[in-house]
Amino acid sequence: MTDEVTFDAELRVVPVDPVAYRKSVQAMERELARARQSGEVTVALLRGPGFGRMALRDLTAAKRLLTEALELARAEDHPHRLVATLINLGDAYRYGGESARAEPCYEQAQRLAQERCPELIDYALQHLGKHRIDTGELDVAETLLMEALEIRREKGDPDLIASTEQTLEYCALRRDLADPSANR
């Protein structure tokens, strides 16, 4: 479903085609409902519509689904799922302007990635960096993003590299808006 989303001016996910995307999210919710009836709910079955609801800006539903996914990922003690779900939940809080609730999600994701799944550290750094941009901590954001970019360059994934470069450009734009005299 990720190729059905793009980013807005603040680098938040938005559906390319909101009508088609909503239908896709509703189909995932029907699948989740069937899984609930059979007792076969998984983290993925919760995260999919949770992410979808976040992209559609139904943040209450997104946070509910992603919190449930986080509880299940913790019970399974699956670090990859934990990191991804913590980041998704952090994003849902961040999109709603709840930076105090987003912060521990991103910090836990970063620590867990460092300790148990280093292949996801760039993902955690990227999202923590976006959070720091939103909280106005632009120097910290830039440091986190440069670290993510270095890792992503080592990985050699052009899409990940472009994503981090775009986020660094956004950070620079926010810096210019915060202090227009810095450009002179």
C-alpha atoms as a PDB file:
ATOM      1  CA  MET A   1       0.000   0.000   0.000  1.00  0.00           C
ATOM      2  CA  THR A   2       2.957   2.373   0.392  1.00  0.00           C
ATOM      3  CA  ASP A   3       3.079   3.129  -3.340  1.00  0.00           C
ATOM      4  CA  GLU A   4      -0.441   4.510  -2.920  1.00  0.00           C
ATOM      5  CA  VAL A   5       0.899   7.320  -0.723  1.00  0.00           C
ATOM      6  CA  THR A   6       3.124  10.314  -1.225  1.00  0.00           C
ATOM      7  CA  PHE A   7       4.264  13.128   1.063  1.00  0.00           C
ATOM      8  CA  ASP A   8       2.748  16.540   1.649  1.00  0.00           C
ATOM      9  CA  ALA A   9       4.725  19.766   2.133  1.00  0.00           C
ATOM     10  CA  GLU A  10       5.495  18.783   5.748  1.00  0.00           C
ATOM     11  CA  LEU A  11       6.655  15.300   4.680  1.00  0.00           C
ATOM     12  CA  ARG A  12       3.629  13.540   6.119  1.00  0.00           C
ATOM     13  CA  VAL A  13       2.111  10.625   4.227  1.00  0.00           C
ATOM     14  CA  VAL A  14      -1.001  11.385   2.217  1.00  0.00           C
ATOM     15  CA  PRO A  15      -2.909   9.184  -0.236  1.00  0.00           C
ATOM     16  CA  VAL A  16      -2.266   9.751  -3.935  1.00  0.00           C
ATOM     17  CA  ASP A  17      -5.915   8.899  -4.647  1.00  0.00           C
ATOM     18  CA  PRO A  18      -7.882   9.386  -1.409  1.00  0.00           C
ATOM     19  CA  VAL A  19     -11.028   7.610  -2.654  1.00  0.00           C
ATOM     20  CA  ALA A  20      -9.177   4.491  -3.827  1.00  0.00           C
ATOM     21  CA  TYR A  21      -6.980   4.572  -0.743  1.00  0.00           C
ATOM     22  CA  ARG A  22      -9.979   4.721   1.593  1.00  0.00           C
ATOM     23  CA  LYS A  23     -11.416   1.656  -0.164  1.00  0.00           C
ATOM     24  CA  SER A  24      -8.108  -0.147   0.286  1.00  0.00           C
ATOM     25  CA  VAL A  25      -8.052   0.700   4.008  1.00  0.00           C
ATOM     26  CA  GLN A  26     -11.650  -0.461   4.384  1.00  0.00           C
ATOM     27  CA  ALA A  27     -10.728  -3.778   2.740  1.00  0.00           C
ATOM     28  CA  MET A  28      -7.895  -4.183   5.266  1.00  0.00           C
ATOM     29  CA  GLU A  29     -10.324  -3.420   8.080  1.00  0.00           C
ATOM     30  CA  ARG A  30     -12.686  -6.120   6.818  1.00  0.00           C
ATOM     31  CA  GLU A  31      -9.778  -8.560   6.773  1.00  0.00           C
ATOM     32  CA  LEU A  32      -8.913  -7.540  10.337  1.00  0.00           C
ATOM     33  CA  ALA A  33     -12.531  -8.070  11.419  1.00  0.00           C
ATOM     34  CA  ARG A  34     -12.435 -11.612   9.993  1.00  0.00           C
ATOM     35  CA  ALA A  35      -9.165 -12.250  11.823  1.00  0.00           C
ATOM     36  CA  ARG A  36     -10.700 -11.000  15.070  1.00  0.00           C
ATOM     37  CA  GLN A  37     -13.565 -13.486  14.656  1.00  0.00           C
ATOM     38  CA  SER A  38     -11.160 -16.367  14.129  1.00  0.00           C
ATOM     39  CA  GLY A  39      -8.748 -15.190  16.827  1.00  0.00           C
ATOM     40  CA  GLU A  40      -5.900 -14.789  14.335  1.00  0.00           C
ATOM     41  CA  VAL A  41      -5.053 -11.095  14.685  1.00  0.00           C
ATOM     42  CA  THR A  42      -1.464 -10.221  13.764  1.00  0.00           C
ATOM     43  CA  VAL A  43       0.647  -7.101  14.068  1.00  0.00           C
ATOM     44  CA  ALA A  44       0.556  -6.695  10.272  1.00  0.00           C
ATOM     45  CA  LEU A  45      -3.242  -6.939  10.183  1.00  0.00           C
ATOM     46  CA  LEU A  46      -3.391  -4.095  12.720  1.00  0.00           C
ATOM     47  CA  ARG A  47      -0.570  -1.949  11.338  1.00  0.00           C
ATOM     48  CA  GLY A  48      -1.924  -1.892   7.781  1.00  0.00           C
ATOM     49  CA  PRO A  49      -5.221  -0.166   8.549  1.00  0.00           C
ATOM     50  CA  GLY A  50      -3.542   1.808  11.367  1.00  0.00           C
ATOM     51  CA  PHE A  51      -1.091   3.300   8.883  1.00  0.00           C
ATOM     52  CA  GLY A  52      -3.933   3.779   6.404  1.00  0.00           C
ATOM     53  CA  ARG A  53      -6.078   5.637   8.909  1.00  0.00           C
ATOM     54  CA  MET A  54      -3.089   7.826   9.740  1.00  0.00           C
ATOM     55  CA  ALA A  55      -2.617   8.695   6.062  1.00  0.00           C
ATOM     56  CA  LEU A  56      -6.330   9.524   5.851  1.00  0.00           C
ATOM     57  CA  ARG A  57      -5.948  11.678   9.014  1.00  0.00           C
ATOM     58  CA  ASP A  58      -8.357   9.590  11.047  1.00  0.00           C
ATOM     59  CA  LEU A  59      -5.846   9.791  13.855  1.00  0.00           C
ATOM     60  CA  THR A  60      -8.097   8.486  16.621  1.00  0.00           C
ATOM     61  CA  ALA A  61      -8.635   5.213  14.762  1.00  0.00           C
ATOM     62  CA  ALA A  62      -4.969   5.121  13.723  1.00  0.00           C
ATOM     63  CA  LYS A  63      -3.734   5.479  17.307  1.00  0.00           C
ATOM     64  CA  ARG A  64      -6.181   2.839  18.548  1.00  0.00           C
ATOM     65  CA  LEU A  65      -5.093   0.285  15.921  1.00  0.00           C
ATOM     66  CA  LEU A  66      -1.395   1.064  16.260  1.00  0.00           C
ATOM     67  CA  THR A  67      -1.530   0.891  20.070  1.00  0.00           C
ATOM     68  CA  GLU A  68      -3.115  -2.547  19.785  1.00  0.00           C
ATOM     69  CA  ALA A  69      -0.439  -3.555  17.264  1.00  0.00           C
ATOM     70  CA  LEU A  70       2.263  -2.329  19.646  1.00  0.00           C
ATOM     71  CA  GLU A  71       0.850  -4.383  22.508  1.00  0.00           C
ATOM     72  CA  LEU A  72       0.819  -7.484  20.318  1.00  0.00           C
ATOM     73  CA  ALA A  73       4.352  -6.817  19.010  1.00  0.00           C
ATOM     74  CA  ARG A  74       5.570  -6.467  22.610  1.00  0.00           C
ATOM     75  CA  ALA A  75       3.857  -9.716  23.594  1.00  0.00           C
ATOM     76  CA  GLU A  76       5.530 -11.471  20.652  1.00  0.00           C
ATOM     77  CA  ASP A  77       8.864  -9.779  21.475  1.00  0.00           C
ATOM     78  CA  HIS A  78       9.500  -9.236  17.777  1.00  0.00           C
ATOM     79  CA  PRO A  79      12.002  -6.348  17.501  1.00  0.00           C
ATOM     80  CA  HIS A  80      11.402  -5.522  13.825  1.00  0.00           C
ATOM     81  CA  ARG A  81       7.661  -5.268  14.344  1.00  0.00           C
ATOM     82  CA  LEU A  82       8.206  -3.291  17.531  1.00  0.00           C
ATOM     83  CA  VAL A  83      10.443  -0.722  15.830  1.00  0.00           C
ATOM     84  CA  ALA A  84       8.087  -0.278  12.882  1.00  0.00           C
ATOM     85  CA  THR A  85       4.989  -0.047  15.076  1.00  0.00           C
ATOM     86  CA  LEU A  86       6.598   2.404  17.490  1.00  0.00           C
ATOM     87  CA  ILE A  87       7.501   4.626  14.543  1.00  0.00           C
ATOM     88  CA  ASN A  88       4.005   4.386  13.059  1.00  0.00           C
ATOM     89  CA  LEU A  89       2.426   5.233  16.424  1.00  0.00           C
ATOM     90  CA  GLY A  90       4.895   8.086  16.895  1.00  0.00           C
ATOM     91  CA  ASP A  91       3.895   9.418  13.492  1.00  0.00           C
ATOM     92  CA  ALA A  92       0.188   9.226  14.379  1.00  0.00           C
ATOM     93  CA  TYR A  93       0.854  11.284  17.506  1.00  0.00           C
ATOM     94  CA  ARG A  94       3.132  13.699  15.629  1.00  0.00           C
ATOM     95  CA  TYR A  95       0.577  14.232  12.863  1.00  0.00           C
ATOM     96  CA  GLY A  96      -1.938  15.181  15.542  1.00  0.00           C
ATOM     97  CA  GLY A  97       0.440  17.673  17.151  1.00  0.00           C
ATOM     98  CA  GLU A  98       1.040  15.467  20.205  1.00  0.00           C
ATOM     99  CA  SER A  99       4.818  15.722  20.282  1.00  0.00           C
ATOM    100  CA  ALA A 100       5.069  14.790  23.967  1.00  0.00           C
ATOM    101  CA  ARG A 101       3.368  11.462  23.186  1.00  0.00           C
ATOM    102  CA  ALA A 102       5.337  10.945  19.955  1.00  0.00           C
ATOM    103  CA  GLU A 103       8.726  11.472  21.591  1.00  0.00           C
ATOM    104  CA  PRO A 104       8.914   8.241  23.645  1.00  0.00           C
ATOM    105  CA  CYS A 105       7.775   6.195  20.653  1.00  0.00           C
ATOM    106  CA  TYR A 106      10.616   7.473  18.486  1.00  0.00           C
ATOM    107  CA  GLU A 107      13.192   7.222  21.265  1.00  0.00           C
ATOM    108  CA  GLN A 108      12.182   3.640  22.093  1.00  0.00           C
ATOM    109  CA  ALA A 109      12.315   2.748  18.394  1.00  0.00           C
ATOM    110  CA  GLN A 110      15.812   4.191  18.076  1.00  0.00           C
ATOM    111  CA  ARG A 111      17.098   2.375  21.180  1.00  0.00           C
ATOM    112  CA  LEU A 112      15.527  -0.912  20.131  1.00  0.00           C
ATOM    113  CA  ALA A 113      16.942  -0.617  16.615  1.00  0.00           C
ATOM    114  CA  GLN A 114      20.418   0.052  18.014  1.00  0.00           C
ATOM    115  CA  GLU A 115      20.202  -2.869  20.433  1.00  0.00           C
ATOM    116  CA  ARG A 116      18.350  -5.543  18.478  1.00  0.00           C
ATOM    117  CA  CYS A 117      17.902  -4.669  14.805  1.00  0.00           C
ATOM    118  CA  PRO A 118      20.625  -2.362  13.525  1.00  0.00           C
ATOM    119  CA  GLU A 119      19.355  -2.773   9.963  1.00  0.00           C
ATOM    120  CA  LEU A 120      16.467  -0.465  10.982  1.00  0.00           C
ATOM    121  CA  ILE A 121      18.509   2.262  12.676  1.00  0.00           C
ATOM    122  CA  ASP A 122      18.337   4.545   9.629  1.00  0.00           C
ATOM    123  CA  TYR A 123      14.540   4.231   9.632  1.00  0.00           C
ATOM    124  CA  ALA A 124      14.400   5.135  13.328  1.00  0.00           C
ATOM    125  CA  LEU A 125      16.834   8.034  12.908  1.00  0.00           C
ATOM    126  CA  GLN A 126      14.879   9.398   9.942  1.00  0.00           C
ATOM    127  CA  HIS A 127      11.610   9.534  11.869  1.00  0.00           C
ATOM    128  CA  LEU A 128      13.197  10.878  15.039  1.00  0.00           C
ATOM    129  CA  GLY A 129      14.779  13.547  12.820  1.00  0.00           C
ATOM    130  CA  LYS A 130      11.379  14.501  11.388  1.00  0.00           C
ATOM    131  CA  HIS A 131      10.035  14.721  14.925  1.00  0.00           C
ATOM    132  CA  ARG A 132      12.913  17.025  15.900  1.00  0.00           C
ATOM    133  CA  ILE A 133      12.122  19.241  12.900  1.00  0.00           C
ATOM    134  CA  ASP A 134       8.540  19.521  14.112  1.00  0.00           C
ATOM    135  CA  THR A 135       9.679  20.427  17.630  1.00  0.00           C
ATOM    136  CA  GLY A 136      12.023  23.083  16.239  1.00  0.00           C
ATOM    137  CA  GLU A 137      15.227  21.280  17.225  1.00  0.00           C
ATOM    138  CA  LEU A 138      16.736  21.768  13.790  1.00  0.00           C
ATOM    139  CA  ASP A 139      20.392  21.200  14.695  1.00  0.00           C
ATOM    140  CA  VAL A 140      19.526  17.909  16.393  1.00  0.00           C
ATOM    141  CA  ALA A 141      17.307  16.958  13.452  1.00  0.00           C
ATOM    142  CA  GLU A 142      20.075  17.659  10.977  1.00  0.00           C
ATOM    143  CA  THR A 143      22.552  15.535  12.953  1.00  0.00           C
ATOM    144  CA  LEU A 144      20.113  12.608  13.107  1.00  0.00           C
ATOM    145  CA  LEU A 145      19.298  12.911   9.420  1.00  0.00           C
ATOM    146  CA  MET A 146      22.947  13.092   8.383  1.00  0.00           C
ATOM    147  CA  GLU A 147      23.576   9.888  10.323  1.00  0.00           C
ATOM    148  CA  ALA A 148      20.583   8.248   8.611  1.00  0.00           C
ATOM    149  CA  LEU A 149      21.837   9.463   5.231  1.00  0.00           C
ATOM    150  CA  GLU A 150      25.295   7.992   5.807  1.00  0.00           C
ATOM    151  CA  ILE A 151      23.769   4.602   6.653  1.00  0.00           C
ATOM    152  CA  ARG A 152      21.435   4.772   3.678  1.00  0.00           C
ATOM    153  CA  ARG A 153      24.286   5.602   1.334  1.00  0.00           C
ATOM    154  CA  GLU A 154      26.110   2.534   2.632  1.00  0.00           C
ATOM    155  CA  LYS A 155      22.971   0.487   1.948  1.00  0.00           C
ATOM    156  CA  GLY A 156      22.894   1.913  -1.569  1.00  0.00           C
ATOM    157  CA  ASP A 157      19.090   2.227  -1.796  1.00  0.00           C
ATOM    158  CA  PRO A 158      18.376   5.263  -4.009  1.00  0.00           C
ATOM    159  CA  ASP A 159      14.802   5.684  -2.705  1.00  0.00           C
ATOM    160  CA  LEU A 160      15.921   5.750   0.918  1.00  0.00           C
ATOM    161  CA  ILE A 161      18.748   8.149   0.090  1.00  0.00           C
ATOM    162  CA  ALA A 162      16.346  10.460  -1.769  1.00  0.00           C
ATOM    163  CA  SER A 163      13.908  10.367   1.145  1.00  0.00           C
ATOM    164  CA  THR A 164      16.549  11.460   3.628  1.00  0.00           C
ATOM    165  CA  GLU A 165      17.920  14.115   1.277  1.00  0.00           C
ATOM    166  CA  GLN A 166      14.373  15.473   0.875  1.00  0.00           C
ATOM    167  CA  THR A 167      13.991  15.573   4.653  1.00  0.00           C
ATOM    168  CA  LEU A 168      17.300  17.420   5.019  1.00  0.00           C
ATOM    169  CA  GLU A 169      16.095  19.965   2.446  1.00  0.00           C
ATOM    170  CA  TYR A 170      12.899  20.385   4.444  1.00  0.00           C
ATOM    171  CA  CYS A 171      14.984  20.903   7.599  1.00  0.00           C
ATOM    172  CA  ALA A 172      16.986  23.618   5.808  1.00  0.00           C
ATOM    173  CA  LEU A 173      13.761  25.258   4.630  1.00  0.00           C
ATOM    174  CA  ARG A 174      12.397  25.282   8.172  1.00  0.00           C
ATOM    175  CA  ARG A 175      15.687  26.806   9.356  1.00  0.00           C
ATOM    176  CA  ASP A 176      15.405  29.541   6.707  1.00  0.00           C
ATOM    177  CA  LEU A 177      11.813  30.248   7.732  1.00  0.00           C
ATOM    178  CA  ALA A 178      12.798  30.407  11.401  1.00  0.00           C
ATOM    179  CA  ASP A 179      15.693  32.799  10.706  1.00  0.00           C
ATOM    180  CA  PRO A 180      15.383  34.555   7.333  1.00  0.00           C
ATOM    181  CA  SER A 181      18.450  36.694   8.097  1.00  0.00           C
ATOM    182  CA  ALA A 182      20.632  33.552   7.944  1.00  0.00           C
ATOM    183  CA  ASN A 183      20.321  33.607   4.139  1.00  0.00           C
ATOM    184  CA  ARG A 184      21.725  37.097   3.820  1.00  0.00           C
END
